[in-house]
Amino acid sequence: MEREHFFIVAAVVPWLFGGVMMFVPELMLSNSLAAGFQPSTVIVTQWVGFGVFSLGWINFLARSDQGSTALRAIMIGNILFHTLGLGFDTFHYALGFMTLSGLISGVVPHFLLAITFVYYLVRLKAEAA
């Protein structure tokens, strides 16, 4: 897959997750949490949702960048975002706060996106050398 196409995928995924978090947070919470949730949890999920949704726009707008310093920063930021997401999802599942379906729906996209961003970052550095 070309990097530009990957960046479109890397935009669509957070658009979907962020959209659900902003507009139907109860759906994500009921799928992800092992226990019930408070109204304040819904509000915080919406706050996080607009950040996730915005990450999708950053990725989409960077899709045609040919290798600037800003592109490297966006890729490293995405690797950090998805690696931390993977870690916290796994940790919260181990503590019993997340359901298995919540773990899978978080870990799979985080893992695939993080690994693919690493791949394209390494390729970008090799192309620059």
N, C-alpha and C. Protein backbone atom coordinates (compact mmCIF):
# COMPACT_ATOMS: atom_id res chain seq x y z
N MET A 1 0.85 -1.17 0.00
CA MET A 1 0.00 0.00 0.00
C MET A 1 0.90 1.23 0.00
N GLU A 2 0.55 2.19 -0.79
CA GLU A 2 1.31 3.44 -0.81
C GLU A 2 1.05 4.22 0.47
N ARG A 3 2.05 4.99 0.88
CA ARG A 3 1.93 5.75 2.13
C ARG A 3 0.72 6.66 2.11
N GLU A 4 0.46 7.31 0.98
CA GLU A 4 -0.69 8.21 0.91
C GLU A 4 -2.00 7.47 1.18
N HIS A 5 -2.13 6.26 0.67
CA HIS A 5 -3.35 5.48 0.93
C HIS A 5 -3.42 5.03 2.38
N PHE A 6 -2.26 4.67 2.94
CA PHE A 6 -2.24 4.31 4.36
C PHE A 6 -2.71 5.49 5.22
N PHE A 7 -2.26 6.70 4.89
CA PHE A 7 -2.66 7.86 5.67
C PHE A 7 -4.17 8.10 5.59
N ILE A 8 -4.79 7.73 4.49
CA ILE A 8 -6.25 7.84 4.40
C ILE A 8 -6.90 6.84 5.35
N VAL A 9 -6.38 5.61 5.36
CA VAL A 9 -6.89 4.61 6.33
C VAL A 9 -6.65 5.10 7.75
N ALA A 10 -5.46 5.68 7.99
CA ALA A 10 -5.11 6.18 9.32
C ALA A 10 -5.94 7.41 9.69
N ALA A 11 -6.67 7.97 8.75
CA ALA A 11 -7.62 9.04 9.04
C ALA A 11 -9.01 8.49 9.28
N VAL A 12 -9.41 7.53 8.48
CA VAL A 12 -10.77 6.98 8.59
C VAL A 12 -10.98 6.28 9.94
N VAL A 13 -9.99 5.52 10.39
CA VAL A 13 -10.14 4.79 11.66
C VAL A 13 -10.43 5.75 12.82
N PRO A 14 -9.61 6.80 13.04
CA PRO A 14 -9.95 7.72 14.13
C PRO A 14 -11.22 8.54 13.87
N TRP A 15 -11.55 8.77 12.60
CA TRP A 15 -12.83 9.44 12.34
C TRP A 15 -13.99 8.58 12.85
N LEU A 16 -13.92 7.28 12.58
CA LEU A 16 -14.99 6.38 13.03
C LEU A 16 -15.03 6.27 14.55
N PHE A 17 -13.88 5.99 15.16
CA PHE A 17 -13.84 5.87 16.62
C PHE A 17 -14.21 7.20 17.29
N GLY A 18 -13.62 8.30 16.80
CA GLY A 18 -13.91 9.61 17.37
C GLY A 18 -15.37 10.00 17.20
N GLY A 19 -15.94 9.69 16.04
CA GLY A 19 -17.35 9.99 15.79
C GLY A 19 -18.26 9.25 16.75
N VAL A 20 -17.99 7.97 16.95
CA VAL A 20 -18.77 7.19 17.91
C VAL A 20 -18.61 7.76 19.31
N MET A 21 -17.37 8.10 19.67
CA MET A 21 -17.12 8.64 21.01
C MET A 21 -17.83 9.97 21.23
N MET A 22 -17.91 10.80 20.19
CA MET A 22 -18.57 12.10 20.34
C MET A 22 -20.08 12.00 20.31
N PHE A 23 -20.62 11.19 19.39
CA PHE A 23 -22.06 11.24 19.14
C PHE A 23 -22.87 10.10 19.75
N VAL A 24 -22.25 8.96 19.98
CA VAL A 24 -22.92 7.85 20.67
C VAL A 24 -21.94 7.20 21.66
N PRO A 25 -21.47 8.00 22.62
CA PRO A 25 -20.46 7.47 23.55
C PRO A 25 -20.94 6.26 24.34
N GLU A 26 -22.23 6.19 24.59
CA GLU A 26 -22.77 5.06 25.34
C GLU A 26 -22.51 3.75 24.62
N LEU A 27 -22.51 3.77 23.29
CA LEU A 27 -22.24 2.57 22.50
C LEU A 27 -20.82 2.07 22.75
N MET A 28 -19.85 2.98 22.68
CA MET A 28 -18.47 2.58 22.92
C MET A 28 -18.28 2.14 24.36
N LEU A 29 -18.86 2.85 25.30
CA LEU A 29 -18.70 2.52 26.71
C LEU A 29 -19.32 1.17 27.05
N SER A 30 -20.50 0.90 26.52
CA SER A 30 -21.15 -0.37 26.83
C SER A 30 -20.41 -1.54 26.19
N ASN A 31 -19.72 -1.31 25.09
CA ASN A 31 -18.92 -2.36 24.46
C ASN A 31 -17.58 -2.56 25.17
N SER A 32 -17.06 -1.51 25.77
CA SER A 32 -15.69 -1.54 26.28
C SER A 32 -15.58 -1.77 27.78
N LEU A 33 -16.48 -1.23 28.56
CA LEU A 33 -16.33 -1.28 30.01
C LEU A 33 -16.98 -2.51 30.61
N ALA A 34 -16.29 -3.10 31.57
CA ALA A 34 -16.79 -4.29 32.25
C ALA A 34 -17.85 -3.93 33.30
N ALA A 35 -17.91 -2.68 33.70
CA ALA A 35 -18.88 -2.23 34.70
C ALA A 35 -19.72 -1.12 34.09
N GLY A 36 -20.74 -0.71 34.82
CA GLY A 36 -21.56 0.40 34.36
C GLY A 36 -20.76 1.69 34.35
N PHE A 37 -21.38 2.76 33.87
CA PHE A 37 -20.67 4.03 33.81
C PHE A 37 -21.60 5.16 34.24
N GLN A 38 -20.98 6.23 34.66
CA GLN A 38 -21.67 7.42 35.14
C GLN A 38 -21.90 8.41 33.99
N PRO A 39 -22.82 9.35 34.16
CA PRO A 39 -22.98 10.39 33.14
C PRO A 39 -21.69 11.17 32.86
N SER A 40 -20.88 11.36 33.87
CA SER A 40 -19.62 12.08 33.66
C SER A 40 -18.67 11.29 32.75
N THR A 41 -18.78 9.97 32.78
CA THR A 41 -17.96 9.13 31.90
C THR A 41 -18.32 9.39 30.45
N VAL A 42 -19.60 9.60 30.19
CA VAL A 42 -20.07 9.91 28.83
C VAL A 42 -19.45 11.23 28.37
N ILE A 43 -19.44 12.21 29.24
CA ILE A 43 -18.89 13.52 28.88
C ILE A 43 -17.38 13.42 28.60
N VAL A 44 -16.66 12.72 29.44
CA VAL A 44 -15.21 12.58 29.23
C VAL A 44 -14.95 11.81 27.94
N THR A 45 -15.75 10.82 27.64
CA THR A 45 -15.60 10.08 26.38
C THR A 45 -15.79 11.01 25.19
N GLN A 46 -16.74 11.93 25.28
CA GLN A 46 -16.92 12.90 24.20
C GLN A 46 -15.70 13.82 24.08
N TRP A 47 -15.13 14.23 25.20
CA TRP A 47 -13.92 15.06 25.16
C TRP A 47 -12.79 14.33 24.45
N VAL A 48 -12.58 13.08 24.81
CA VAL A 48 -11.52 12.29 24.18
C VAL A 48 -11.86 12.08 22.70
N GLY A 49 -13.13 11.90 22.41
CA GLY A 49 -13.57 11.66 21.03
C GLY A 49 -13.20 12.77 20.08
N PHE A 50 -13.31 14.03 20.50
CA PHE A 50 -12.97 15.09 19.55
C PHE A 50 -11.47 15.14 19.32
N GLY A 51 -10.66 14.71 20.29
CA GLY A 51 -9.22 14.62 20.06
C GLY A 51 -8.87 13.51 19.08
N VAL A 52 -9.52 12.36 19.24
CA VAL A 52 -9.30 11.23 18.33
C VAL A 52 -9.75 11.61 16.92
N PHE A 53 -10.91 12.23 16.82
CA PHE A 53 -11.44 12.67 15.52
C PHE A 53 -10.47 13.66 14.86
N SER A 54 -9.92 14.56 15.64
CA SER A 54 -8.96 15.55 15.11
C SER A 54 -7.69 14.88 14.62
N LEU A 55 -7.23 13.82 15.30
CA LEU A 55 -6.07 13.07 14.83
C LEU A 55 -6.32 12.54 13.42
N GLY A 56 -7.54 12.10 13.16
CA GLY A 56 -7.87 11.64 11.81
C GLY A 56 -7.68 12.74 10.78
N TRP A 57 -8.07 13.96 11.11
CA TRP A 57 -7.89 15.08 10.18
C TRP A 57 -6.42 15.41 9.98
N ILE A 58 -5.64 15.34 11.05
CA ILE A 58 -4.20 15.58 10.92
C ILE A 58 -3.61 14.57 9.94
N ASN A 59 -3.95 13.31 10.11
CA ASN A 59 -3.44 12.27 9.21
C ASN A 59 -3.91 12.50 7.77
N PHE A 60 -5.17 12.83 7.60
CA PHE A 60 -5.70 13.06 6.26
C PHE A 60 -4.99 14.23 5.58
N LEU A 61 -4.81 15.30 6.30
CA LEU A 61 -4.18 16.49 5.71
C LEU A 61 -2.70 16.28 5.43
N ALA A 62 -2.07 15.32 6.11
CA ALA A 62 -0.64 15.04 5.90
C ALA A 62 -0.40 13.99 4.81
N ARG A 63 -1.45 13.45 4.24
CA ARG A 63 -1.33 12.30 3.35
C ARG A 63 -0.42 12.52 2.14
N SER A 64 -0.34 13.74 1.64
CA SER A 64 0.45 14.01 0.43
C SER A 64 1.84 14.55 0.72
N ASP A 65 2.17 14.72 1.98
CA ASP A 65 3.49 15.23 2.35
C ASP A 65 4.55 14.23 1.88
N GLN A 66 5.59 14.73 1.25
CA GLN A 66 6.61 13.86 0.67
C GLN A 66 7.76 13.52 1.61
N GLY A 67 7.77 14.05 2.83
CA GLY A 67 8.83 13.67 3.74
C GLY A 67 9.38 14.79 4.60
N SER A 68 8.56 15.76 4.91
CA SER A 68 9.02 16.90 5.71
C SER A 68 9.25 16.49 7.16
N THR A 69 9.86 17.40 7.90
CA THR A 69 10.03 17.22 9.33
C THR A 69 8.67 17.10 10.02
N ALA A 70 7.70 17.84 9.54
CA ALA A 70 6.35 17.78 10.12
C ALA A 70 5.74 16.38 9.92
N LEU A 71 5.96 15.78 8.77
CA LEU A 71 5.45 14.43 8.53
C LEU A 71 6.07 13.44 9.51
N ARG A 72 7.36 13.56 9.73
CA ARG A 72 8.02 12.68 10.71
C ARG A 72 7.40 12.87 12.10
N ALA A 73 7.15 14.11 12.47
CA ALA A 73 6.53 14.40 13.77
C ALA A 73 5.14 13.78 13.86
N ILE A 74 4.37 13.87 12.79
CA ILE A 74 3.03 13.29 12.76
C ILE A 74 3.11 11.77 12.90
N MET A 75 4.06 11.17 12.22
CA MET A 75 4.21 9.72 12.29
C MET A 75 4.65 9.28 13.69
N ILE A 76 5.61 9.97 14.28
CA ILE A 76 6.06 9.64 15.64
C ILE A 76 4.92 9.86 16.63
N GLY A 77 4.17 10.93 16.47
CA GLY A 77 3.02 11.18 17.34
C GLY A 77 1.99 10.07 17.25
N ASN A 78 1.74 9.58 16.04
CA ASN A 78 0.81 8.47 15.85
C ASN A 78 1.33 7.19 16.49
N ILE A 79 2.63 6.93 16.35
CA ILE A 79 3.21 5.74 16.98
C ILE A 79 3.03 5.83 18.49
N LEU A 80 3.31 6.98 19.05
CA LEU A 80 3.13 7.17 20.50
C LEU A 80 1.67 7.00 20.90
N PHE A 81 0.76 7.64 20.17
CA PHE A 81 -0.67 7.55 20.45
C PHE A 81 -1.13 6.10 20.47
N HIS A 82 -0.79 5.35 19.42
CA HIS A 82 -1.28 3.98 19.31
C HIS A 82 -0.56 3.02 20.26
N THR A 83 0.70 3.26 20.54
CA THR A 83 1.42 2.43 21.50
C THR A 83 0.86 2.63 22.91
N LEU A 84 0.62 3.89 23.27
CA LEU A 84 0.01 4.15 24.58
C LEU A 84 -1.40 3.58 24.65
N GLY A 85 -2.17 3.71 23.58
CA GLY A 85 -3.51 3.13 23.55
C GLY A 85 -3.47 1.63 23.73
N LEU A 86 -2.55 0.99 23.05
CA LEU A 86 -2.38 -0.46 23.17
C LEU A 86 -2.02 -0.83 24.61
N GLY A 87 -1.09 -0.10 25.19
CA GLY A 87 -0.67 -0.38 26.56
C GLY A 87 -1.78 -0.18 27.58
N PHE A 88 -2.47 0.95 27.49
CA PHE A 88 -3.53 1.20 28.47
C PHE A 88 -4.72 0.27 28.28
N ASP A 89 -5.07 -0.05 27.04
CA ASP A 89 -6.16 -1.01 26.83
C ASP A 89 -5.82 -2.35 27.46
N THR A 90 -4.61 -2.83 27.24
CA THR A 90 -4.17 -4.11 27.80
C THR A 90 -4.14 -4.06 29.33
N PHE A 91 -3.60 -2.98 29.87
CA PHE A 91 -3.52 -2.80 31.32
C PHE A 91 -4.91 -2.77 31.94
N HIS A 92 -5.83 -2.03 31.35
CA HIS A 92 -7.17 -1.92 31.91
C HIS A 92 -7.95 -3.23 31.78
N TYR A 93 -7.68 -3.97 30.72
CA TYR A 93 -8.30 -5.30 30.61
C TYR A 93 -7.77 -6.22 31.72
N ALA A 94 -6.45 -6.18 31.94
CA ALA A 94 -5.84 -7.01 32.98
C ALA A 94 -6.39 -6.67 34.36
N LEU A 95 -6.75 -5.41 34.59
CA LEU A 95 -7.33 -4.99 35.87
C LEU A 95 -8.82 -5.32 35.98
N GLY A 96 -9.42 -5.75 34.88
CA GLY A 96 -10.83 -6.11 34.89
C GLY A 96 -11.78 -4.98 34.56
N PHE A 97 -11.27 -3.86 34.08
CA PHE A 97 -12.13 -2.71 33.75
C PHE A 97 -12.69 -2.78 32.34
N MET A 98 -12.04 -3.55 31.46
CA MET A 98 -12.49 -3.64 30.06
C MET A 98 -12.99 -5.04 29.76
N THR A 99 -13.93 -5.10 28.84
CA THR A 99 -14.42 -6.38 28.35
C THR A 99 -13.45 -6.91 27.29
N LEU A 100 -13.57 -8.17 26.96
CA LEU A 100 -12.74 -8.75 25.91
C LEU A 100 -13.03 -8.08 24.57
N SER A 101 -14.31 -7.82 24.29
CA SER A 101 -14.64 -7.15 23.02
C SER A 101 -14.07 -5.74 22.98
N GLY A 102 -14.05 -5.05 24.11
CA GLY A 102 -13.44 -3.73 24.17
C GLY A 102 -11.94 -3.80 23.94
N LEU A 103 -11.32 -4.82 24.53
CA LEU A 103 -9.88 -5.00 24.34
C LEU A 103 -9.57 -5.25 22.86
N ILE A 104 -10.28 -6.16 22.26
CA ILE A 104 -10.03 -6.50 20.85
C ILE A 104 -10.28 -5.31 19.94
N SER A 105 -11.38 -4.59 20.17
CA SER A 105 -11.69 -3.45 19.30
C SER A 105 -10.72 -2.29 19.50
N GLY A 106 -9.97 -2.29 20.59
CA GLY A 106 -8.95 -1.28 20.80
C GLY A 106 -7.57 -1.74 20.37
N VAL A 107 -7.21 -2.96 20.77
CA VAL A 107 -5.85 -3.46 20.52
C VAL A 107 -5.58 -3.68 19.03
N VAL A 108 -6.53 -4.24 18.32
CA VAL A 108 -6.29 -4.55 16.90
C VAL A 108 -5.97 -3.30 16.09
N PRO A 109 -6.81 -2.26 16.11
CA PRO A 109 -6.45 -1.08 15.32
C PRO A 109 -5.21 -0.36 15.85
N HIS A 110 -5.05 -0.29 17.18
CA HIS A 110 -3.85 0.36 17.72
C HIS A 110 -2.58 -0.37 17.25
N PHE A 111 -2.59 -1.69 17.34
CA PHE A 111 -1.42 -2.46 16.95
C PHE A 111 -1.12 -2.31 15.46
N LEU A 112 -2.13 -2.50 14.64
CA LEU A 112 -1.91 -2.42 13.19
C LEU A 112 -1.45 -1.03 12.75
N LEU A 113 -2.07 0.00 13.30
CA LEU A 113 -1.67 1.35 12.92
C LEU A 113 -0.27 1.68 13.44
N ALA A 114 0.04 1.31 14.67
CA ALA A 114 1.37 1.60 15.22
C ALA A 114 2.45 0.92 14.39
N ILE A 115 2.28 -0.35 14.10
CA ILE A 115 3.28 -1.10 13.33
C ILE A 115 3.44 -0.50 11.93
N THR A 116 2.34 -0.12 11.32
CA THR A 116 2.43 0.43 9.96
C THR A 116 3.06 1.81 9.97
N PHE A 117 2.77 2.63 10.98
CA PHE A 117 3.46 3.92 11.08
C PHE A 117 4.96 3.71 11.28
N VAL A 118 5.36 2.73 12.07
CA VAL A 118 6.79 2.43 12.25
C VAL A 118 7.39 2.05 10.90
N TYR A 119 6.72 1.20 10.16
CA TYR A 119 7.20 0.78 8.84
C TYR A 119 7.44 1.98 7.93
N TYR A 120 6.44 2.86 7.84
CA TYR A 120 6.58 4.01 6.95
C TYR A 120 7.61 5.02 7.47
N LEU A 121 7.77 5.13 8.77
CA LEU A 121 8.80 6.01 9.32
C LEU A 121 10.20 5.48 8.98
N VAL A 122 10.39 4.19 9.11
CA VAL A 122 11.68 3.58 8.77
C VAL A 122 11.96 3.76 7.28
N ARG A 123 10.94 3.53 6.47
CA ARG A 123 11.10 3.73 5.00
C ARG A 123 11.43 5.18 4.67
N LEU A 124 10.78 6.09 5.37
CA LEU A 124 11.02 7.52 5.14
C LEU A 124 12.47 7.88 5.46
N LYS A 125 12.97 7.35 6.57
CA LYS A 125 14.37 7.62 6.95
C LYS A 125 15.32 6.99 5.95
N ALA A 126 14.98 5.79 5.44
CA ALA A 126 15.85 5.14 4.45
C ALA A 126 15.86 5.91 3.14
N GLU A 127 14.72 6.45 2.75
CA GLU A 127 14.64 7.24 1.51
C GLU A 127 15.44 8.53 1.63
N ALA A 128 15.47 9.09 2.83
CA ALA A 128 16.20 10.36 3.05
C ALA A 128 17.72 10.16 3.06
N ALA A 129 18.15 8.94 3.38
CA ALA A 129 19.59 8.66 3.48
C ALA A 129 20.26 8.49 2.12
